[in-house]
Amino acid sequence: MKKIALAAALSVFASATFAGGLEEPVVEPVIIEEDTSGSNAGWVIPVILLALIGAAAAS
């Protein structure tokens, strides 16, 4: 009886294994999102404002 149960279990496993056929696995491409803002952008506006204040004070 144990041999019949083992044979039935192996046949179910084998049929499920071969059901899909031999196809290449589908691999999703990895998308890497990079931050587009520069790290030095924080100093541009204060320098422009300082230059405007200096030009206004000089005139």
PDB file of N, CA and C in Angstrom:
ATOM      1  N   MET A   1       0.821  -1.190   0.000  1.00  0.00           N
ATOM      2  CA  MET A   1       0.000   0.000   0.000  1.00  0.00           C
ATOM      3  C   MET A   1       0.865   1.255   0.000  1.00  0.00           C
ATOM      4  N   LYS A   2       1.995   1.177   0.741  1.00  0.00           N
ATOM      5  CA  LYS A   2       2.887   2.325   0.790  1.00  0.00           C
ATOM      6  C   LYS A   2       3.514   2.577  -0.568  1.00  0.00           C
ATOM      7  N   LYS A   3       3.798   1.515  -1.303  1.00  0.00           N
ATOM      8  CA  LYS A   3       4.412   1.676  -2.618  1.00  0.00           C
ATOM      9  C   LYS A   3       3.439   2.327  -3.598  1.00  0.00           C
ATOM     10  N   ILE A   4       2.172   2.012  -3.492  1.00  0.00           N
ATOM     11  CA  ILE A   4       1.171   2.607  -4.380  1.00  0.00           C
ATOM     12  C   ILE A   4       1.027   4.104  -4.083  1.00  0.00           C
ATOM     13  N   ALA A   5       1.019   4.454  -2.796  1.00  0.00           N
ATOM     14  CA  ALA A   5       0.910   5.865  -2.414  1.00  0.00           C
ATOM     15  C   ALA A   5       2.143   6.638  -2.860  1.00  0.00           C
ATOM     16  N   LEU A   6       3.318   6.038  -2.709  1.00  0.00           N
ATOM     17  CA  LEU A   6       4.549   6.674  -3.143  1.00  0.00           C
ATOM     18  C   LEU A   6       4.572   6.847  -4.653  1.00  0.00           C
ATOM     19  N   ALA A   7       4.152   5.856  -5.393  1.00  0.00           N
ATOM     20  CA  ALA A   7       4.109   5.949  -6.849  1.00  0.00           C
ATOM     21  C   ALA A   7       3.109   7.012  -7.300  1.00  0.00           C
ATOM     22  N   ALA A   8       1.979   7.112  -6.621  1.00  0.00           N
ATOM     23  CA  ALA A   8       0.980   8.124  -6.976  1.00  0.00           C
ATOM     24  C   ALA A   8       1.519   9.525  -6.702  1.00  0.00           C
ATOM     25  N   ALA A   9       2.202   9.691  -5.576  1.00  0.00           N
ATOM     26  CA  ALA A   9       2.756  10.998  -5.236  1.00  0.00           C
ATOM     27  C   ALA A   9       3.847  11.398  -6.220  1.00  0.00           C
ATOM     28  N   LEU A  10       4.692  10.467  -6.589  1.00  0.00           N
ATOM     29  CA  LEU A  10       5.760  10.772  -7.550  1.00  0.00           C
ATOM     30  C   LEU A  10       5.207  11.077  -8.936  1.00  0.00           C
ATOM     31  N   SER A  11       4.153  10.389  -9.347  1.00  0.00           N
ATOM     32  CA  SER A  11       3.578  10.650 -10.667  1.00  0.00           C
ATOM     33  C   SER A  11       2.913  12.017 -10.704  1.00  0.00           C
ATOM     34  N   VAL A  12       2.275  12.438  -9.601  1.00  0.00           N
ATOM     35  CA  VAL A  12       1.680  13.777  -9.548  1.00  0.00           C
ATOM     36  C   VAL A  12       2.776  14.826  -9.604  1.00  0.00           C
ATOM     37  N   PHE A  13       3.845  14.614  -8.865  1.00  0.00           N
ATOM     38  CA  PHE A  13       4.953  15.562  -8.851  1.00  0.00           C
ATOM     39  C   PHE A  13       5.624  15.638 -10.222  1.00  0.00           C
ATOM     40  N   ALA A  14       5.819  14.502 -10.867  1.00  0.00           N
ATOM     41  CA  ALA A  14       6.481  14.484 -12.168  1.00  0.00           C
ATOM     42  C   ALA A  14       5.621  15.137 -13.236  1.00  0.00           C
ATOM     43  N   SER A  15       4.319  14.932 -13.194  1.00  0.00           N
ATOM     44  CA  SER A  15       3.466  15.546 -14.207  1.00  0.00           C
ATOM     45  C   SER A  15       3.392  17.055 -14.014  1.00  0.00           C
ATOM     46  N   ALA A  16       3.428  17.531 -12.777  1.00  0.00           N
ATOM     47  CA  ALA A  16       3.418  18.967 -12.522  1.00  0.00           C
ATOM     48  C   ALA A  16       4.743  19.599 -12.928  1.00  0.00           C
ATOM     49  N   THR A  17       5.822  18.825 -12.792  1.00  0.00           N
ATOM     50  CA  THR A  17       7.137  19.352 -13.150  1.00  0.00           C
ATOM     51  C   THR A  17       7.267  19.537 -14.652  1.00  0.00           C
ATOM     52  N   PHE A  18       6.785  18.620 -15.438  1.00  0.00           N
ATOM     53  CA  PHE A  18       6.937  18.667 -16.880  1.00  0.00           C
ATOM     54  C   PHE A  18       5.789  19.379 -17.585  1.00  0.00           C
ATOM     55  N   ALA A  19       4.810  19.855 -16.858  1.00  0.00           N
ATOM     56  CA  ALA A  19       3.650  20.473 -17.488  1.00  0.00           C
ATOM     57  C   ALA A  19       3.996  21.782 -18.185  1.00  0.00           C
ATOM     58  N   GLY A  20       4.940  22.531 -17.638  1.00  0.00           N
ATOM     59  CA  GLY A  20       5.271  23.826 -18.208  1.00  0.00           C
ATOM     60  C   GLY A  20       6.201  23.751 -19.399  1.00  0.00           C
ATOM     61  N   GLY A  21       6.882  22.689 -19.590  1.00  0.00           N
ATOM     62  CA  GLY A  21       7.832  22.573 -20.679  1.00  0.00           C
ATOM     63  C   GLY A  21       9.162  23.215 -20.312  1.00  0.00           C
ATOM     64  N   LEU A  22      10.058  23.264 -21.288  1.00  0.00           N
ATOM     65  CA  LEU A  22      11.379  23.845 -21.057  1.00  0.00           C
ATOM     66  C   LEU A  22      11.440  25.227 -21.687  1.00  0.00           C
ATOM     67  N   GLU A  23      11.083  26.234 -20.943  1.00  0.00           N
ATOM     68  CA  GLU A  23      11.138  27.611 -21.427  1.00  0.00           C
ATOM     69  C   GLU A  23      12.103  28.404 -20.565  1.00  0.00           C
ATOM     70  N   GLU A  24      12.638  29.456 -21.170  1.00  0.00           N
ATOM     71  CA  GLU A  24      13.525  30.325 -20.411  1.00  0.00           C
ATOM     72  C   GLU A  24      12.721  31.089 -19.367  1.00  0.00           C
ATOM     73  N   PRO A  25      13.263  31.253 -18.192  1.00  0.00           N
ATOM     74  CA  PRO A  25      12.539  32.027 -17.175  1.00  0.00           C
ATOM     75  C   PRO A  25      12.461  33.498 -17.572  1.00  0.00           C
ATOM     76  N   VAL A  26      11.346  34.136 -17.246  1.00  0.00           N
ATOM     77  CA  VAL A  26      11.159  35.549 -17.559  1.00  0.00           C
ATOM     78  C   VAL A  26      11.770  36.370 -16.437  1.00  0.00           C
ATOM     79  N   VAL A  27      12.717  37.230 -16.805  1.00  0.00           N
ATOM     80  CA  VAL A  27      13.389  38.066 -15.821  1.00  0.00           C
ATOM     81  C   VAL A  27      13.005  39.512 -16.093  1.00  0.00           C
ATOM     82  N   GLU A  28      12.448  40.177 -15.088  1.00  0.00           N
ATOM     83  CA  GLU A  28      12.060  41.576 -15.242  1.00  0.00           C
ATOM     84  C   GLU A  28      13.311  42.444 -15.224  1.00  0.00           C
ATOM     85  N   PRO A  29      13.379  43.449 -16.105  1.00  0.00           N
ATOM     86  CA  PRO A  29      14.552  44.339 -16.078  1.00  0.00           C
ATOM     87  C   PRO A  29      14.534  45.220 -14.828  1.00  0.00           C
ATOM     88  N   VAL A  30      15.711  45.486 -14.325  1.00  0.00           N
ATOM     89  CA  VAL A  30      15.837  46.314 -13.126  1.00  0.00           C
ATOM     90  C   VAL A  30      15.895  47.775 -13.552  1.00  0.00           C
ATOM     91  N   ILE A  31      14.989  48.584 -13.007  1.00  0.00           N
ATOM     92  CA  ILE A  31      14.951  50.004 -13.335  1.00  0.00           C
ATOM     93  C   ILE A  31      15.527  50.773 -12.160  1.00  0.00           C
ATOM     94  N   ILE A  32      16.595  51.516 -12.436  1.00  0.00           N
ATOM     95  CA  ILE A  32      17.241  52.304 -11.393  1.00  0.00           C
ATOM     96  C   ILE A  32      16.898  53.764 -11.633  1.00  0.00           C
ATOM     97  N   GLU A  33      16.233  54.367 -10.653  1.00  0.00           N
ATOM     98  CA  GLU A  33      15.883  55.771 -10.760  1.00  0.00           C
ATOM     99  C   GLU A  33      16.913  56.582  -9.998  1.00  0.00           C
ATOM    100  N   GLU A  34      17.509  57.547 -10.706  1.00  0.00           N
ATOM    101  CA  GLU A  34      18.502  58.391 -10.069  1.00  0.00           C
ATOM    102  C   GLU A  34      17.928  59.776  -9.839  1.00  0.00           C
ATOM    103  N   ASP A  35      18.384  60.404  -8.790  1.00  0.00           N
ATOM    104  CA  ASP A  35      17.941  61.753  -8.485  1.00  0.00           C
ATOM    105  C   ASP A  35      18.579  62.711  -9.491  1.00  0.00           C
ATOM    106  N   THR A  36      17.753  63.510 -10.162  1.00  0.00           N
ATOM    107  CA  THR A  36      18.274  64.379 -11.218  1.00  0.00           C
ATOM    108  C   THR A  36      18.760  65.718 -10.695  1.00  0.00           C
ATOM    109  N   SER A  37      18.396  66.092  -9.482  1.00  0.00           N
ATOM    110  CA  SER A  37      18.848  67.378  -8.968  1.00  0.00           C
ATOM    111  C   SER A  37      20.279  67.248  -8.456  1.00  0.00           C
ATOM    112  N   GLY A  38      21.064  68.280  -8.692  1.00  0.00           N
ATOM    113  CA  GLY A  38      22.444  68.276  -8.245  1.00  0.00           C
ATOM    114  C   GLY A  38      22.549  68.617  -6.771  1.00  0.00           C
ATOM    115  N   SER A  39      23.621  68.220  -6.145  1.00  0.00           N
ATOM    116  CA  SER A  39      23.789  68.483  -4.722  1.00  0.00           C
ATOM    117  C   SER A  39      24.300  69.895  -4.462  1.00  0.00           C
ATOM    118  N   ASN A  40      24.804  70.572  -5.500  1.00  0.00           N
ATOM    119  CA  ASN A  40      25.341  71.914  -5.330  1.00  0.00           C
ATOM    120  C   ASN A  40      24.327  72.995  -5.659  1.00  0.00           C
ATOM    121  N   ALA A  41      23.073  72.661  -5.863  1.00  0.00           N
ATOM    122  CA  ALA A  41      22.073  73.641  -6.253  1.00  0.00           C
ATOM    123  C   ALA A  41      21.666  74.537  -5.093  1.00  0.00           C
ATOM    124  N   GLY A  42      21.952  74.174  -3.861  1.00  0.00           N
ATOM    125  CA  GLY A  42      21.544  74.948  -2.705  1.00  0.00           C
ATOM    126  C   GLY A  42      22.307  76.240  -2.521  1.00  0.00           C
ATOM    127  N   TRP A  43      23.453  76.404  -3.136  1.00  0.00           N
ATOM    128  CA  TRP A  43      24.241  77.616  -2.940  1.00  0.00           C
ATOM    129  C   TRP A  43      24.033  78.645  -4.042  1.00  0.00           C
ATOM    130  N   VAL A  44      23.355  78.307  -5.115  1.00  0.00           N
ATOM    131  CA  VAL A  44      23.219  79.216  -6.257  1.00  0.00           C
ATOM    132  C   VAL A  44      22.331  80.409  -5.911  1.00  0.00           C
ATOM    133  N   ILE A  45      21.177  80.192  -5.346  1.00  0.00           N
ATOM    134  CA  ILE A  45      20.236  81.281  -5.060  1.00  0.00           C
ATOM    135  C   ILE A  45      20.795  82.243  -4.007  1.00  0.00           C
ATOM    136  N   PRO A  46      21.385  81.791  -2.909  1.00  0.00           N
ATOM    137  CA  PRO A  46      21.964  82.761  -1.966  1.00  0.00           C
ATOM    138  C   PRO A  46      23.088  83.595  -2.570  1.00  0.00           C
ATOM    139  N   VAL A  47      23.889  83.022  -3.439  1.00  0.00           N
ATOM    140  CA  VAL A  47      24.971  83.790  -4.067  1.00  0.00           C
ATOM    141  C   VAL A  47      24.389  84.854  -4.991  1.00  0.00           C
ATOM    142  N   ILE A  48      23.347  84.524  -5.744  1.00  0.00           N
ATOM    143  CA  ILE A  48      22.712  85.506  -6.620  1.00  0.00           C
ATOM    144  C   ILE A  48      22.077  86.633  -5.792  1.00  0.00           C
ATOM    145  N   LEU A  49      21.394  86.270  -4.711  1.00  0.00           N
ATOM    146  CA  LEU A  49      20.797  87.291  -3.852  1.00  0.00           C
ATOM    147  C   LEU A  49      21.865  88.182  -3.216  1.00  0.00           C
ATOM    148  N   LEU A  50      22.966  87.598  -2.798  1.00  0.00           N
ATOM    149  CA  LEU A  50      24.061  88.382  -2.224  1.00  0.00           C
ATOM    150  C   LEU A  50      24.649  89.326  -3.262  1.00  0.00           C
ATOM    151  N   ALA A  51      24.786  88.861  -4.495  1.00  0.00           N
ATOM    152  CA  ALA A  51      25.298  89.726  -5.554  1.00  0.00           C
ATOM    153  C   ALA A  51      24.326  90.865  -5.862  1.00  0.00           C
ATOM    154  N   LEU A  52      23.026  90.598  -5.843  1.00  0.00           N
ATOM    155  CA  LEU A  52      22.032  91.646  -6.071  1.00  0.00           C
ATOM    156  C   LEU A  52      22.039  92.673  -4.946  1.00  0.00           C
ATOM    157  N   ILE A  53      22.149  92.213  -3.720  1.00  0.00           N
ATOM    158  CA  ILE A  53      22.202  93.135  -2.583  1.00  0.00           C
ATOM    159  C   ILE A  53      23.478  93.969  -2.631  1.00  0.00           C
ATOM    160  N   GLY A  54      24.582  93.349  -3.002  1.00  0.00           N
ATOM    161  CA  GLY A  54      25.855  94.088  -3.128  1.00  0.00           C
ATOM    162  C   GLY A  54      25.791  95.106  -4.249  1.00  0.00           C
ATOM    163  N   ALA A  55      25.151  94.764  -5.366  1.00  0.00           N
ATOM    164  CA  ALA A  55      25.026  95.719  -6.482  1.00  0.00           C
ATOM    165  C   ALA A  55      24.113  96.871  -6.105  1.00  0.00           C
ATOM    166  N   ALA A  56      23.051  96.575  -5.345  1.00  0.00           N
ATOM    167  CA  ALA A  56      22.133  97.635  -4.928  1.00  0.00           C
ATOM    168  C   ALA A  56      22.802  98.550  -3.909  1.00  0.00           C
ATOM    169  N   ALA A  57      23.638  97.996  -3.047  1.00  0.00           N
ATOM    170  CA  ALA A  57      24.332  98.810  -2.042  1.00  0.00           C
ATOM    171  C   ALA A  57      25.416  99.657  -2.674  1.00  0.00           C
ATOM    172  N   ALA A  58      26.041  99.183  -3.751  1.00  0.00           N
ATOM    173  CA  ALA A  58      27.115  99.927  -4.403  1.00  0.00           C
ATOM    174  C   ALA A  58      26.607 101.094  -5.222  1.00  0.00           C
ATOM    175  N   SER A  59      25.359 101.061  -5.665  1.00  0.00           N
ATOM    176  CA  SER A  59      24.855 102.138  -6.509  1.00  0.00           C
ATOM    177  C   SER A  59      24.212 103.249  -5.728  1.00  0.00           C
TER     178      SER A  59
END
